[in-house]
């Protein structure tokens, strides 16, 4: 073998510090996030080349998780440094300019459409697959809301950041409202939503229940919430859909007096503390919504 042939045959070794990146990419693959995005989101104009939206999101999730930094302008250099690992996981070539800041901003703009249709469709598809793949228990789910205060001096009254009831005890600051629906007992997130800061909590529970029910795949699960859940309209709708709920009684208005009076009345018949699933009743303390919910809704509408 001459010197020229020996030089071409020289083995070249390139070191890459991968840390937890392969594990994160593999778990993302198992969740099916990239494939779900590619099925839901179109590719935009015909001149767009390189990684699809799904593959681009796949890489961005790996960058945020490993770098613990969500800045988009740092991802391009990161993707070039970790190109061998990304290509091995995705099974396709990753170009120098596939993860530029403008392409990532375009991805986030598409996923965060103002109507929320793309986000909810993606949430439903990925969540439903995760429940089936990991055989997650679906007997109990819960939802709650919170407000997040921010420093913002905008003059407009419309938009996400607005003044409202502050759970941070900062009525002087604008805020947005965040809602989260999870599965017990592990607290696995199923649905989330970011809403204007002047949004009341009461109307959020029914659409949250609907979104969770579509992911779980059936209505026969116990929906746990706080005292703002059991409004007449919300519980009537959950009842008509075949669902169950558990929430503390909201002690406001005439409810404390009516509750005290009913405690003094003897029940007409004994009520079993436990009902078997399949008898059309809830299990383990989450008694199925009785038809009284519909009656209360009708009375509230007719005065």
Foldseek 3Di string as FASTA:
>chain_A
DDPVVVVVPDDDDDDADCPCLLVLLVVCVLLVLLVLLPVQDDQPDPVDDFDGLSLLVSQLVSCCVVVVDNDQQVSLVVCVRCQVSSCVSVVDGHDSCRRHSVNVVVSCCRCPDPVNPNVLSSLQVSLLSVCVVVVDDFQEKEKDKAKDFDADDDPDCDDAWHAADHPVPCSVTTIWMKMWMAGPDVRHTRDIDIGHRHDDDLVPVQVVLVSVCSSVVAAEHEYEYEQSDPDLVNLQVSLVRLHFYDYDHPPDDCVVVVVVVVVPDDDPDDDDQADDPPPSFHGDNRTHDDCVSVVVVVVVVVD
